[in-house]
Protein backbone atom coordinates (compact mmCIF):
# COMPACT_ATOMS: atom_id res chain seq x y z
CA MET A 1 0.00 0.00 0.00
CA SER A 2 1.65 3.20 -1.13
CA THR A 3 0.42 6.43 0.36
CA SER A 4 0.27 9.85 -1.20
CA ILE A 5 -0.10 13.39 0.08
CA ARG A 6 -2.72 15.04 -2.08
CA LEU A 7 -5.74 17.35 -2.19
CA LYS A 8 -9.31 16.36 -1.34
CA LYS A 9 -11.92 18.71 -2.76
CA ILE A 10 -14.67 19.94 -0.46
CA GLY A 11 -17.11 22.80 -0.81
CA ARG A 12 -19.59 23.28 -3.60
CA LYS A 13 -19.61 24.27 -7.24
CA GLY A 14 -17.93 27.65 -7.69
CA VAL A 15 -16.58 27.69 -4.12
CA ARG A 16 -13.33 25.74 -4.15
CA PHE A 17 -11.77 24.54 -0.92
CA TYR A 18 -9.32 21.68 -0.48
CA ARG A 19 -7.95 19.60 2.37
CA VAL A 20 -4.38 18.32 2.27
CA VAL A 21 -4.73 14.65 3.15
CA ILE A 22 -2.87 11.37 3.35
CA MET A 23 -4.57 8.69 1.24
CA ASN A 24 -3.88 5.31 -0.23
CA LYS A 25 -2.75 5.92 -3.80
CA SER A 26 -5.49 3.67 -5.24
CA PHE A 27 -8.39 5.60 -3.63
CA ASN A 28 -10.30 8.16 -5.67
CA ARG A 29 -10.07 11.91 -4.98
CA ASP A 30 -12.92 12.02 -2.46
CA GLY A 31 -12.33 8.59 -0.92
CA LYS A 32 -11.24 7.37 2.49
CA VAL A 33 -8.62 9.51 4.26
CA LEU A 34 -5.87 8.18 6.54
CA GLU A 35 -5.11 11.62 8.01
CA SER A 36 -5.96 15.23 7.26
CA ILE A 37 -2.88 17.43 7.69
CA GLY A 38 -4.07 20.83 6.50
CA PHE A 39 -6.14 22.89 4.09
CA TYR A 40 -5.81 25.11 1.03
CA ASN A 41 -8.23 27.88 0.02
CA PRO A 42 -7.33 29.30 -3.41
CA ASP A 43 -10.26 31.76 -3.52
CA THR A 44 -8.82 34.19 -0.96
CA GLN A 45 -6.19 36.77 -1.78
CA PRO A 46 -3.50 35.66 -0.92
CA PRO A 47 -4.48 31.97 -0.90
CA GLN A 48 -4.80 30.46 2.60
CA ILE A 49 -2.49 27.53 3.20
CA LYS A 50 -2.20 25.70 6.52
CA ILE A 51 -0.23 22.45 6.81
CA LYS A 52 0.93 20.64 9.95
CA ASN A 53 4.66 20.37 9.28
CA ASP A 54 5.26 17.69 11.93
CA SER A 55 2.64 15.41 10.35
CA LEU A 56 4.00 16.16 6.87
CA GLN A 57 7.53 15.18 7.92
CA LYS A 58 6.24 12.05 9.68
CA TRP A 59 4.48 10.81 6.53
CA LEU A 60 7.41 11.69 4.28
CA ALA A 61 9.66 9.62 6.56
CA LYS A 62 7.22 6.71 6.16
CA GLY A 63 7.57 6.95 2.36
CA ALA A 64 4.51 8.95 1.31
CA ILE A 65 4.69 10.56 -2.13
CA ILE A 66 3.70 14.21 -2.60
CA SER A 67 1.40 14.92 -5.55
CA ASP A 68 2.35 17.63 -8.04
CA SER A 69 -0.47 19.93 -6.93
CA VAL A 70 0.55 19.74 -3.26
CA ARG A 71 4.20 20.28 -4.21
CA LYS A 72 3.21 23.53 -5.99
CA ILE A 73 1.19 24.67 -2.97
CA ILE A 74 4.04 24.03 -0.53
CA THR A 75 6.46 26.09 -2.65
CA ILE A 76 4.12 29.12 -2.81
């Protein structure tokens, strides 16, 4: 079971809001979550980003793979 750090879309149509979550790589975008480690709101100016760094480091040490979208968010 490989895990990935990726975005889970919540909110409604036209109001985007995402959670940064740890999921099994085979689950779909809105599937079962192992752990929620933060959120991302692109509709505010500047975008709101909150990620628990200790949880992020813990999952990276366990071998979790960061998705491209989360990698872009972290570098903002």
